[in-house]
Amino acid sequence: MKQPTIIALRALLAADPPRNCDERSALAMALGMNEKSVAVEAEIPRVMPFDEVARLLACTQRNVHQLCRAGQLRKVVLPGRRLSRGVLAEDVKMLVTTCVRDIPKFPEAGSS
């Protein structure tokens, strides 16, 4: 909503406020402001800061930047900015799940 619309709605609510919870929820539903009526078109991807990624991967922030340079992770740069804010959480999850190696099973010491 635009700012003038919000100001007008506030003025209307100040002139005639809802008296109980049912009226308030009916008004919110009519204006499309409750959680049930808001349709989420797409899940917003989470941006993880470099220090959080480094802590998760048990490495340094420099290693995280090297992974980005190698193409393993994607940096997130906001419009009009030069510096990146972090990396996508889904990329970190993908990196961790694809880089896990199977541990070879060794025969027990007593069985020969």
PDB file of N, CA and C in Angstrom:
ATOM      1  N   MET A   1       0.832  -1.177   0.000  1.00  0.00           N
ATOM      2  CA  MET A   1       0.000   0.000   0.000  1.00  0.00           C
ATOM      3  C   MET A   1       0.874   1.236   0.000  1.00  0.00           C
ATOM      4  N   LYS A   2       0.373   2.282  -0.587  1.00  0.00           N
ATOM      5  CA  LYS A   2       1.099   3.539  -0.591  1.00  0.00           C
ATOM      6  C   LYS A   2       0.861   4.268   0.722  1.00  0.00           C
ATOM      7  N   GLN A   3       1.777   5.163   1.057  1.00  0.00           N
ATOM      8  CA  GLN A   3       1.725   5.871   2.331  1.00  0.00           C
ATOM      9  C   GLN A   3       0.432   6.673   2.511  1.00  0.00           C
ATOM     10  N   PRO A   4      -0.073   7.411   1.501  1.00  0.00           N
ATOM     11  CA  PRO A   4      -1.336   8.136   1.704  1.00  0.00           C
ATOM     12  C   PRO A   4      -2.518   7.215   2.018  1.00  0.00           C
ATOM     13  N   THR A   5      -2.530   6.020   1.434  1.00  0.00           N
ATOM     14  CA  THR A   5      -3.592   5.062   1.721  1.00  0.00           C
ATOM     15  C   THR A   5      -3.532   4.606   3.173  1.00  0.00           C
ATOM     16  N   ILE A   6      -2.323   4.355   3.660  1.00  0.00           N
ATOM     17  CA  ILE A   6      -2.148   3.933   5.048  1.00  0.00           C
ATOM     18  C   ILE A   6      -2.589   5.043   5.998  1.00  0.00           C
ATOM     19  N   ILE A   7      -2.249   6.286   5.692  1.00  0.00           N
ATOM     20  CA  ILE A   7      -2.656   7.420   6.528  1.00  0.00           C
ATOM     21  C   ILE A   7      -4.174   7.546   6.554  1.00  0.00           C
ATOM     22  N   ALA A   8      -4.809   7.379   5.389  1.00  0.00           N
ATOM     23  CA  ALA A   8      -6.268   7.467   5.327  1.00  0.00           C
ATOM     24  C   ALA A   8      -6.924   6.349   6.136  1.00  0.00           C
ATOM     25  N   LEU A   9      -6.391   5.128   6.049  1.00  0.00           N
ATOM     26  CA  LEU A   9      -6.942   4.015   6.824  1.00  0.00           C
ATOM     27  C   LEU A   9      -6.781   4.243   8.328  1.00  0.00           C
ATOM     28  N   ARG A  10      -5.632   4.794   8.730  1.00  0.00           N
ATOM     29  CA  ARG A  10      -5.433   5.099  10.150  1.00  0.00           C
ATOM     30  C   ARG A  10      -6.443   6.135  10.631  1.00  0.00           C
ATOM     31  N   ALA A  11      -6.699   7.138   9.790  1.00  0.00           N
ATOM     32  CA  ALA A  11      -7.676   8.167  10.162  1.00  0.00           C
ATOM     33  C   ALA A  11      -9.072   7.569  10.301  1.00  0.00           C
ATOM     34  N   LEU A  12      -9.439   6.670   9.376  1.00  0.00           N
ATOM     35  CA  LEU A  12     -10.747   6.015   9.462  1.00  0.00           C
ATOM     36  C   LEU A  12     -10.863   5.145  10.709  1.00  0.00           C
ATOM     37  N   LEU A  13      -9.798   4.406  11.029  1.00  0.00           N
ATOM     38  CA  LEU A  13      -9.825   3.563  12.221  1.00  0.00           C
ATOM     39  C   LEU A  13      -9.847   4.391  13.497  1.00  0.00           C
ATOM     40  N   ALA A  14      -9.212   5.561  13.482  1.00  0.00           N
ATOM     41  CA  ALA A  14      -9.246   6.437  14.650  1.00  0.00           C
ATOM     42  C   ALA A  14     -10.652   7.004  14.849  1.00  0.00           C
ATOM     43  N   ALA A  15     -11.358   7.285  13.740  1.00  0.00           N
ATOM     44  CA  ALA A  15     -12.708   7.836  13.832  1.00  0.00           C
ATOM     45  C   ALA A  15     -13.715   6.779  14.282  1.00  0.00           C
ATOM     46  N   ASP A  16     -13.534   5.534  13.834  1.00  0.00           N
ATOM     47  CA  ASP A  16     -14.477   4.470  14.179  1.00  0.00           C
ATOM     48  C   ASP A  16     -13.688   3.188  14.457  1.00  0.00           C
ATOM     49  N   PRO A  17     -13.079   3.073  15.648  1.00  0.00           N
ATOM     50  CA  PRO A  17     -12.251   1.898  15.933  1.00  0.00           C
ATOM     51  C   PRO A  17     -13.093   0.650  16.133  1.00  0.00           C
ATOM     52  N   PRO A  18     -12.538  -0.523  15.811  1.00  0.00           N
ATOM     53  CA  PRO A  18     -13.260  -1.774  16.074  1.00  0.00           C
ATOM     54  C   PRO A  18     -13.407  -1.978  17.582  1.00  0.00           C
ATOM     55  N   ARG A  19     -14.565  -2.519  17.989  1.00  0.00           N
ATOM     56  CA  ARG A  19     -14.875  -2.623  19.415  1.00  0.00           C
ATOM     57  C   ARG A  19     -14.375  -3.922  20.042  1.00  0.00           C
ATOM     58  N   ASN A  20     -14.237  -4.962  19.264  1.00  0.00           N
ATOM     59  CA  ASN A  20     -13.797  -6.227  19.860  1.00  0.00           C
ATOM     60  C   ASN A  20     -12.877  -6.971  18.890  1.00  0.00           C
ATOM     61  N   CYS A  21     -12.413  -8.090  19.330  1.00  0.00           N
ATOM     62  CA  CYS A  21     -11.446  -8.877  18.553  1.00  0.00           C
ATOM     63  C   CYS A  21     -12.057  -9.389  17.247  1.00  0.00           C
ATOM     64  N   ASP A  22     -13.326  -9.770  17.274  1.00  0.00           N
ATOM     65  CA  ASP A  22     -13.980 -10.279  16.064  1.00  0.00           C
ATOM     66  C   ASP A  22     -14.057  -9.202  14.983  1.00  0.00           C
ATOM     67  N   GLU A  23     -14.418  -7.988  15.382  1.00  0.00           N
ATOM     68  CA  GLU A  23     -14.470  -6.880  14.409  1.00  0.00           C
ATOM     69  C   GLU A  23     -13.086  -6.583  13.850  1.00  0.00           C
ATOM     70  N   ARG A  24     -12.093  -6.624  14.737  1.00  0.00           N
ATOM     71  CA  ARG A  24     -10.725  -6.355  14.315  1.00  0.00           C
ATOM     72  C   ARG A  24     -10.253  -7.390  13.301  1.00  0.00           C
ATOM     73  N   SER A  25     -10.526  -8.662  13.561  1.00  0.00           N
ATOM     74  CA  SER A  25     -10.092  -9.713  12.630  1.00  0.00           C
ATOM     75  C   SER A  25     -10.889  -9.661  11.328  1.00  0.00           C
ATOM     76  N   ALA A  26     -12.177  -9.305  11.387  1.00  0.00           N
ATOM     77  CA  ALA A  26     -12.978  -9.162  10.167  1.00  0.00           C
ATOM     78  C   ALA A  26     -12.459  -8.008   9.316  1.00  0.00           C
ATOM     79  N   LEU A  27     -12.083  -6.917   9.971  1.00  0.00           N
ATOM     80  CA  LEU A  27     -11.530  -5.773   9.241  1.00  0.00           C
ATOM     81  C   LEU A  27     -10.194  -6.130   8.594  1.00  0.00           C
ATOM     82  N   ALA A  28      -9.345  -6.834   9.347  1.00  0.00           N
ATOM     83  CA  ALA A  28      -8.044  -7.240   8.806  1.00  0.00           C
ATOM     84  C   ALA A  28      -8.221  -8.177   7.615  1.00  0.00           C
ATOM     85  N   MET A  29      -9.191  -9.090   7.698  1.00  0.00           N
ATOM     86  CA  MET A  29      -9.442 -10.016   6.596  1.00  0.00           C
ATOM     87  C   MET A  29      -9.974  -9.266   5.376  1.00  0.00           C
ATOM     88  N   ALA A  30     -10.857  -8.286   5.602  1.00  0.00           N
ATOM     89  CA  ALA A  30     -11.411  -7.518   4.492  1.00  0.00           C
ATOM     90  C   ALA A  30     -10.333  -6.689   3.792  1.00  0.00           C
ATOM     91  N   LEU A  31      -9.344  -6.225   4.558  1.00  0.00           N
ATOM     92  CA  LEU A  31      -8.259  -5.429   3.978  1.00  0.00           C
ATOM     93  C   LEU A  31      -7.118  -6.303   3.466  1.00  0.00           C
ATOM     94  N   GLY A  32      -7.215  -7.606   3.696  1.00  0.00           N
ATOM     95  CA  GLY A  32      -6.165  -8.511   3.240  1.00  0.00           C
ATOM     96  C   GLY A  32      -4.904  -8.393   4.063  1.00  0.00           C
ATOM     97  N   MET A  33      -5.066  -8.138   5.364  1.00  0.00           N
ATOM     98  CA  MET A  33      -3.906  -7.902   6.216  1.00  0.00           C
ATOM     99  C   MET A  33      -3.654  -9.027   7.212  1.00  0.00           C
ATOM    100  N   ASN A  34      -4.395 -10.116   7.156  1.00  0.00           N
ATOM    101  CA  ASN A  34      -4.138 -11.206   8.087  1.00  0.00           C
ATOM    102  C   ASN A  34      -3.285 -12.276   7.417  1.00  0.00           C
ATOM    103  N   GLU A  35      -2.742 -13.151   8.238  1.00  0.00           N
ATOM    104  CA  GLU A  35      -1.811 -14.160   7.712  1.00  0.00           C
ATOM    105  C   GLU A  35      -2.491 -15.124   6.752  1.00  0.00           C
ATOM    106  N   LYS A  36      -3.746 -15.464   7.003  1.00  0.00           N
ATOM    107  CA  LYS A  36      -4.417 -16.461   6.178  1.00  0.00           C
ATOM    108  C   LYS A  36      -4.718 -15.958   4.781  1.00  0.00           C
ATOM    109  N   SER A  37      -4.986 -14.644   4.651  1.00  0.00           N
ATOM    110  CA  SER A  37      -5.358 -14.123   3.341  1.00  0.00           C
ATOM    111  C   SER A  37      -4.153 -13.714   2.507  1.00  0.00           C
ATOM    112  N   VAL A  38      -3.004 -13.585   3.137  1.00  0.00           N
ATOM    113  CA  VAL A  38      -1.810 -13.189   2.399  1.00  0.00           C
ATOM    114  C   VAL A  38      -1.226 -14.419   1.724  1.00  0.00           C
ATOM    115  N   ALA A  39      -1.175 -14.388   0.424  1.00  0.00           N
ATOM    116  CA  ALA A  39      -0.614 -15.516  -0.322  1.00  0.00           C
ATOM    117  C   ALA A  39       0.866 -15.254  -0.561  1.00  0.00           C
ATOM    118  N   VAL A  40       1.684 -16.168  -0.106  1.00  0.00           N
ATOM    119  CA  VAL A  40       3.118 -16.045  -0.314  1.00  0.00           C
ATOM    120  C   VAL A  40       3.421 -16.632  -1.678  1.00  0.00           C
ATOM    121  N   GLU A  41       3.867 -15.767  -2.592  1.00  0.00           N
ATOM    122  CA  GLU A  41       4.127 -16.221  -3.956  1.00  0.00           C
ATOM    123  C   GLU A  41       5.354 -17.115  -4.010  1.00  0.00           C
ATOM    124  N   ALA A  42       6.394 -16.697  -3.360  1.00  0.00           N
ATOM    125  CA  ALA A  42       7.613 -17.493  -3.369  1.00  0.00           C
ATOM    126  C   ALA A  42       8.331 -17.287  -2.045  1.00  0.00           C
ATOM    127  N   GLU A  43       8.945 -18.329  -1.567  1.00  0.00           N
ATOM    128  CA  GLU A  43       9.702 -18.239  -0.330  1.00  0.00           C
ATOM    129  C   GLU A  43      10.948 -17.395  -0.578  1.00  0.00           C
ATOM    130  N   ILE A  44      11.174 -16.426   0.293  1.00  0.00           N
ATOM    131  CA  ILE A  44      12.343 -15.560   0.145  1.00  0.00           C
ATOM    132  C   ILE A  44      13.556 -16.331   0.632  1.00  0.00           C
ATOM    133  N   PRO A  45      14.579 -16.450  -0.202  1.00  0.00           N
ATOM    134  CA  PRO A  45      15.763 -17.199   0.225  1.00  0.00           C
ATOM    135  C   PRO A  45      16.486 -16.465   1.352  1.00  0.00           C
ATOM    136  N   ARG A  46      17.023 -17.217   2.279  1.00  0.00           N
ATOM    137  CA  ARG A  46      17.729 -16.639   3.423  1.00  0.00           C
ATOM    138  C   ARG A  46      19.163 -16.317   3.035  1.00  0.00           C
ATOM    139  N   VAL A  47      19.622 -15.154   3.457  1.00  0.00           N
ATOM    140  CA  VAL A  47      20.996 -14.746   3.227  1.00  0.00           C
ATOM    141  C   VAL A  47      21.750 -14.923   4.536  1.00  0.00           C
ATOM    142  N   MET A  48      22.794 -15.735   4.483  1.00  0.00           N
ATOM    143  CA  MET A  48      23.600 -15.992   5.678  1.00  0.00           C
ATOM    144  C   MET A  48      24.840 -15.115   5.647  1.00  0.00           C
ATOM    145  N   PRO A  49      25.132 -14.406   6.745  1.00  0.00           N
ATOM    146  CA  PRO A  49      26.357 -13.614   6.794  1.00  0.00           C
ATOM    147  C   PRO A  49      27.592 -14.511   6.744  1.00  0.00           C
ATOM    148  N   PHE A  50      28.694 -13.939   6.311  1.00  0.00           N
ATOM    149  CA  PHE A  50      29.920 -14.723   6.133  1.00  0.00           C
ATOM    150  C   PHE A  50      30.405 -15.341   7.446  1.00  0.00           C
ATOM    151  N   ASP A  51      30.271 -14.620   8.565  1.00  0.00           N
ATOM    152  CA  ASP A  51      30.745 -15.185   9.829  1.00  0.00           C
ATOM    153  C   ASP A  51      29.904 -16.384  10.263  1.00  0.00           C
ATOM    154  N   GLU A  52      28.611 -16.347   9.977  1.00  0.00           N
ATOM    155  CA  GLU A  52      27.741 -17.479  10.314  1.00  0.00           C
ATOM    156  C   GLU A  52      28.070 -18.699   9.449  1.00  0.00           C
ATOM    157  N   VAL A  53      28.350 -18.462   8.167  1.00  0.00           N
ATOM    158  CA  VAL A  53      28.719 -19.560   7.265  1.00  0.00           C
ATOM    159  C   VAL A  53      30.053 -20.163   7.698  1.00  0.00           C
ATOM    160  N   ALA A  54      30.991 -19.300   8.064  1.00  0.00           N
ATOM    161  CA  ALA A  54      32.299 -19.790   8.514  1.00  0.00           C
ATOM    162  C   ALA A  54      32.155 -20.634   9.777  1.00  0.00           C
ATOM    163  N   ARG A  55      31.311 -20.198  10.688  1.00  0.00           N
ATOM    164  CA  ARG A  55      31.087 -20.958  11.916  1.00  0.00           C
ATOM    165  C   ARG A  55      30.429 -22.305  11.610  1.00  0.00           C
ATOM    166  N   LEU A  56      29.469 -22.295  10.677  1.00  0.00           N
ATOM    167  CA  LEU A  56      28.767 -23.520  10.306  1.00  0.00           C
ATOM    168  C   LEU A  56      29.696 -24.525   9.625  1.00  0.00           C
ATOM    169  N   LEU A  57      30.574 -24.019   8.759  1.00  0.00           N
ATOM    170  CA  LEU A  57      31.489 -24.893   8.030  1.00  0.00           C
ATOM    171  C   LEU A  57      32.785 -25.163   8.790  1.00  0.00           C
ATOM    172  N   ALA A  58      32.925 -24.562   9.972  1.00  0.00           N
ATOM    173  CA  ALA A  58      34.128 -24.723  10.803  1.00  0.00           C
ATOM    174  C   ALA A  58      35.374 -24.304  10.030  1.00  0.00           C
ATOM    175  N   CYS A  59      35.308 -23.120   9.441  1.00  0.00           N
ATOM    176  CA  CYS A  59      36.448 -22.583   8.709  1.00  0.00           C
ATOM    177  C   CYS A  59      36.502 -21.078   8.950  1.00  0.00           C
ATOM    178  N   THR A  60      37.377 -20.400   8.250  1.00  0.00           N
ATOM    179  CA  THR A  60      37.488 -18.955   8.395  1.00  0.00           C
ATOM    180  C   THR A  60      36.623 -18.248   7.345  1.00  0.00           C
ATOM    181  N   GLN A  61      36.414 -16.947   7.564  1.00  0.00           N
ATOM    182  CA  GLN A  61      35.659 -16.175   6.581  1.00  0.00           C
ATOM    183  C   GLN A  61      36.418 -16.100   5.257  1.00  0.00           C
ATOM    184  N   ARG A  62      37.721 -16.123   5.338  1.00  0.00           N
ATOM    185  CA  ARG A  62      38.530 -16.112   4.120  1.00  0.00           C
ATOM    186  C   ARG A  62      38.253 -17.365   3.283  1.00  0.00           C
ATOM    187  N   ASN A  63      38.115 -18.516   3.949  1.00  0.00           N
ATOM    188  CA  ASN A  63      37.785 -19.745   3.233  1.00  0.00           C
ATOM    189  C   ASN A  63      36.416 -19.657   2.569  1.00  0.00           C
ATOM    190  N   VAL A  64      35.469 -18.983   3.230  1.00  0.00           N
ATOM    191  CA  VAL A  64      34.140 -18.813   2.644  1.00  0.00           C
ATOM    192  C   VAL A  64      34.240 -17.970   1.375  1.00  0.00           C
ATOM    193  N   HIS A  65      35.026 -16.891   1.421  1.00  0.00           N
ATOM    194  CA  HIS A  65      35.210 -16.055   0.229  1.00  0.00           C
ATOM    195  C   HIS A  65      35.913 -16.846  -0.884  1.00  0.00           C
ATOM    196  N   GLN A  66      36.841 -17.733  -0.509  1.00  0.00           N
ATOM    197  CA  GLN A  66      37.506 -18.571  -1.508  1.00  0.00           C
ATOM    198  C   GLN A  66      36.530 -19.550  -2.145  1.00  0.00           C
ATOM    199  N   LEU A  67      35.600 -20.081  -1.358  1.00  0.00           N
ATOM    200  CA  LEU A  67      34.567 -20.959  -1.915  1.00  0.00           C
ATOM    201  C   LEU A  67      33.681 -20.187  -2.897  1.00  0.00           C
ATOM    202  N   CYS A  68      33.416 -18.935  -2.598  1.00  0.00           N
ATOM    203  CA  CYS A  68      32.630 -18.096  -3.521  1.00  0.00           C
ATOM    204  C   CYS A  68      33.406 -17.860  -4.811  1.00  0.00           C
ATOM    205  N   ARG A  69      34.675 -17.571  -4.675  1.00  0.00           N
ATOM    206  CA  ARG A  69      35.504 -17.322  -5.855  1.00  0.00           C
ATOM    207  C   ARG A  69      35.618 -18.575  -6.715  1.00  0.00           C
ATOM    208  N   ALA A  70      35.598 -19.746  -6.073  1.00  0.00           N
ATOM    209  CA  ALA A  70      35.689 -21.013  -6.801  1.00  0.00           C
ATOM    210  C   ALA A  70      34.355 -21.415  -7.420  1.00  0.00           C
ATOM    211  N   GLY A  71      33.278 -20.694  -7.094  1.00  0.00           N
ATOM    212  CA  GLY A  71      31.978 -21.009  -7.675  1.00  0.00           C
ATOM    213  C   GLY A  71      31.156 -21.991  -6.858  1.00  0.00           C
ATOM    214  N   GLN A  72      31.624 -22.331  -5.663  1.00  0.00           N
ATOM    215  CA  GLN A  72      30.897 -23.265  -4.802  1.00  0.00           C
ATOM    216  C   GLN A  72      29.712 -22.589  -4.116  1.00  0.00           C
ATOM    217  N   LEU A  73      29.848 -21.304  -3.805  1.00  0.00           N
ATOM    218  CA  LEU A  73      28.795 -20.520  -3.155  1.00  0.00           C
ATOM    219  C   LEU A  73      28.554 -19.249  -3.964  1.00  0.00           C
ATOM    220  N   ARG A  74      27.339 -18.716  -3.859  1.00  0.00           N
ATOM    221  CA  ARG A  74      27.007 -17.466  -4.553  1.00  0.00           C
ATOM    222  C   ARG A  74      26.873 -16.336  -3.545  1.00  0.00           C
ATOM    223  N   LYS A  75      27.560 -15.222  -3.796  1.00  0.00           N
ATOM    224  CA  LYS A  75      27.458 -14.051  -2.938  1.00  0.00           C
ATOM    225  C   LYS A  75      26.196 -13.272  -3.290  1.00  0.00           C
ATOM    226  N   VAL A  76      25.625 -12.620  -2.284  1.00  0.00           N
ATOM    227  CA  VAL A  76      24.443 -11.782  -2.480  1.00  0.00           C
ATOM    228  C   VAL A  76      24.877 -10.328  -2.379  1.00  0.00           C
ATOM    229  N   VAL A  77      24.659  -9.580  -3.475  1.00  0.00           N
ATOM    230  CA  VAL A  77      24.993  -8.158  -3.519  1.00  0.00           C
ATOM    231  C   VAL A  77      23.697  -7.392  -3.722  1.00  0.00           C
ATOM    232  N   LEU A  78      23.396  -6.477  -2.806  1.00  0.00           N
ATOM    233  CA  LEU A  78      22.174  -5.687  -2.899  1.00  0.00           C
ATOM    234  C   LEU A  78      22.298  -4.648  -4.006  1.00  0.00           C
ATOM    235  N   PRO A  79      21.182  -4.233  -4.607  1.00  0.00           N
ATOM    236  CA  PRO A  79      21.228  -3.245  -5.687  1.00  0.00           C
ATOM    237  C   PRO A  79      21.857  -1.934  -5.217  1.00  0.00           C
ATOM    238  N   GLY A  80      22.707  -1.385  -6.043  1.00  0.00           N
ATOM    239  CA  GLY A  80      23.369  -0.130  -5.723  1.00  0.00           C
ATOM    240  C   GLY A  80      24.536  -0.263  -4.765  1.00  0.00           C
ATOM    241  N   ARG A  81      24.926  -1.465  -4.447  1.00  0.00           N
ATOM    242  CA  ARG A  81      26.034  -1.706  -3.514  1.00  0.00           C
ATOM    243  C   ARG A  81      27.171  -2.390  -4.250  1.00  0.00           C
ATOM    244  N   ARG A  82      28.358  -2.270  -3.669  1.00  0.00           N
ATOM    245  CA  ARG A  82      29.512  -2.940  -4.251  1.00  0.00           C
ATOM    246  C   ARG A  82      29.923  -4.157  -3.432  1.00  0.00           C
ATOM    247  N   LEU A  83      29.683  -4.100  -2.138  1.00  0.00           N
ATOM    248  CA  LEU A  83      30.085  -5.198  -1.267  1.00  0.00           C
ATOM    249  C   LEU A  83      28.945  -6.188  -1.091  1.00  0.00           C
ATOM    250  N   SER A  84      29.307  -7.444  -0.947  1.00  0.00           N
ATOM    251  CA  SER A  84      28.284  -8.479  -0.775  1.00  0.00           C
ATOM    252  C   SER A  84      27.882  -8.562   0.691  1.00  0.00           C
ATOM    253  N   ARG A  85      26.658  -9.032   0.924  1.00  0.00           N
ATOM    254  CA  ARG A  85      26.097  -9.118   2.272  1.00  0.00           C
ATOM    255  C   ARG A  85      26.246 -10.505   2.873  1.00  0.00           C
ATOM    256  N   GLY A  86      26.433 -11.514   2.060  1.00  0.00           N
ATOM    257  CA  GLY A  86      26.542 -12.884   2.550  1.00  0.00           C
ATOM    258  C   GLY A  86      26.334 -13.848   1.403  1.00  0.00           C
ATOM    259  N   VAL A  87      25.956 -15.067   1.740  1.00  0.00           N
ATOM    260  CA  VAL A  87      25.703 -16.088   0.724  1.00  0.00           C
ATOM    261  C   VAL A  87      24.328 -16.695   0.973  1.00  0.00           C
ATOM    262  N   LEU A  88      23.783 -17.343  -0.039  1.00  0.00           N
ATOM    263  CA  LEU A  88      22.472 -17.965   0.084  1.00  0.00           C
ATOM    264  C   LEU A  88      22.556 -19.224   0.947  1.00  0.00           C
ATOM    265  N   ALA A  89      21.600 -19.362   1.844  1.00  0.00           N
ATOM    266  CA  ALA A  89      21.578 -20.512   2.755  1.00  0.00           C
ATOM    267  C   ALA A  89      21.401 -21.817   1.985  1.00  0.00           C
ATOM    268  N   GLU A  90      20.631 -21.772   0.901  1.00  0.00           N
ATOM    269  CA  GLU A  90      20.420 -23.001   0.120  1.00  0.00           C
ATOM    270  C   GLU A  90      21.716 -23.464  -0.537  1.00  0.00           C
ATOM    271  N   ASP A  91      22.596 -22.522  -0.901  1.00  0.00           N
ATOM    272  CA  ASP A  91      23.891 -22.899  -1.468  1.00  0.00           C
ATOM    273  C   ASP A  91      24.770 -23.572  -0.412  1.00  0.00           C
ATOM    274  N   VAL A  92      24.723 -23.052   0.818  1.00  0.00           N
ATOM    275  CA  VAL A  92      25.509 -23.653   1.901  1.00  0.00           C
ATOM    276  C   VAL A  92      25.007 -25.062   2.177  1.00  0.00           C
ATOM    277  N   LYS A  93      23.701 -25.224   2.210  1.00  0.00           N
ATOM    278  CA  LYS A  93      23.114 -26.557   2.449  1.00  0.00           C
ATOM    279  C   LYS A  93      23.513 -27.526   1.347  1.00  0.00           C
ATOM    280  N   MET A  94      23.452 -27.065   0.091  1.00  0.00           N
ATOM    281  CA  MET A  94      23.826 -27.902  -1.047  1.00  0.00           C
ATOM    282  C   MET A  94      25.302 -28.285  -0.966  1.00  0.00           C
ATOM    283  N   LEU A  95      26.153 -27.333  -0.588  1.00  0.00           N
ATOM    284  CA  LEU A  95      27.586 -27.603  -0.479  1.00  0.00           C
ATOM    285  C   LEU A  95      27.849 -28.663   0.576  1.00  0.00           C
ATOM    286  N   VAL A  96      27.203 -28.537   1.714  1.00  0.00           N
ATOM    287  CA  VAL A  96      27.433 -29.493   2.803  1.00  0.00           C
ATOM    288  C   VAL A  96      26.923 -30.874   2.421  1.00  0.00           C
ATOM    289  N   THR A  97      25.756 -30.952   1.796  1.00  0.00           N
ATOM    290  CA  THR A  97      25.193 -32.270   1.470  1.00  0.00           C
ATOM    291  C   THR A  97      25.934 -32.960   0.333  1.00  0.00           C
ATOM    292  N   THR A  98      26.493 -32.213  -0.601  1.00  0.00           N
ATOM    293  CA  THR A  98      27.186 -32.841  -1.726  1.00  0.00           C
ATOM    294  C   THR A  98      28.639 -33.178  -1.415  1.00  0.00           C
ATOM    295  N   CYS A  99      29.201 -32.561  -0.399  1.00  0.00           N
ATOM    296  CA  CYS A  99      30.616 -32.791  -0.104  1.00  0.00           C
ATOM    297  C   CYS A  99      30.851 -33.845   0.963  1.00  0.00           C
ATOM    298  N   VAL A 100      29.798 -34.453   1.472  1.00  0.00           N
ATOM    299  CA  VAL A 100      29.968 -35.485   2.489  1.00  0.00           C
ATOM    300  C   VAL A 100      30.400 -36.778   1.809  1.00  0.00           C
ATOM    301  N   ARG A 101      31.470 -37.349   2.313  1.00  0.00           N
ATOM    302  CA  ARG A 101      31.983 -38.594   1.745  1.00  0.00           C
ATOM    303  C   ARG A 101      31.545 -39.766   2.605  1.00  0.00           C
ATOM    304  N   ASP A 102      31.347 -40.906   1.960  1.00  0.00           N
ATOM    305  CA  ASP A 102      31.035 -42.120   2.704  1.00  0.00           C
ATOM    306  C   ASP A 102      32.301 -42.624   3.378  1.00  0.00           C
ATOM    307  N   ILE A 103      32.155 -43.031   4.626  1.00  0.00           N
ATOM    308  CA  ILE A 103      33.299 -43.551   5.375  1.00  0.00           C
ATOM    309  C   ILE A 103      33.451 -45.020   5.025  1.00  0.00           C
ATOM    310  N   PRO A 104      34.639 -45.419   4.557  1.00  0.00           N
ATOM    311  CA  PRO A 104      34.820 -46.838   4.219  1.00  0.00           C
ATOM    312  C   PRO A 104      34.765 -47.696   5.481  1.00  0.00           C
ATOM    313  N   LYS A 105      34.140 -48.832   5.347  1.00  0.00           N
ATOM    314  CA  LYS A 105      34.014 -49.742   6.490  1.00  0.00           C
ATOM    315  C   LYS A 105      35.199 -50.700   6.493  1.00  0.00           C
ATOM    316  N   PHE A 106      35.924 -50.668   7.588  1.00  0.00           N
ATOM    317  CA  PHE A 106      37.079 -51.535   7.733  1.00  0.00           C
ATOM    318  C   PHE A 106      36.665 -52.806   8.457  1.00  0.00           C
ATOM    319  N   PRO A 107      37.251 -53.946   8.099  1.00  0.00           N
ATOM    320  CA  PRO A 107      36.926 -55.182   8.840  1.00  0.00           C
ATOM    321  C   PRO A 107      37.406 -55.058  10.281  1.00  0.00           C
ATOM    322  N   GLU A 108      36.665 -55.713  11.156  1.00  0.00           N
ATOM    323  CA  GLU A 108      37.022 -55.667  12.560  1.00  0.00           C
ATOM    324  C   GLU A 108      38.372 -56.329  12.779  1.00  0.00           C
ATOM    325  N   ALA A 109      39.074 -55.910  13.813  1.00  0.00           N
ATOM    326  CA  ALA A 109      40.440 -56.390  14.081  1.00  0.00           C
ATOM    327  C   ALA A 109      40.457 -57.867  14.447  1.00  0.00           C
ATOM    328  N   GLY A 110      39.432 -58.384  15.131  1.00  0.00           N
ATOM    329  CA  GLY A 110      39.418 -59.769  15.595  1.00  0.00           C
ATOM    330  C   GLY A 110      38.982 -60.753  14.525  1.00  0.00           C
ATOM    331  N   SER A 111      38.345 -60.308  13.465  1.00  0.00           N
ATOM    332  CA  SER A 111      37.829 -61.254  12.452  1.00  0.00           C
ATOM    333  C   SER A 111      38.795 -61.350  11.291  1.00  0.00           C
ATOM    334  N   SER A 112      39.387 -62.523  11.100  1.00  0.00           N
ATOM    335  CA  SER A 112      40.298 -62.745   9.989  1.00  0.00           C
ATOM    336  C   SER A 112      40.042 -64.074   9.332  1.00  0.00           C
TER     337      SER A 112
END
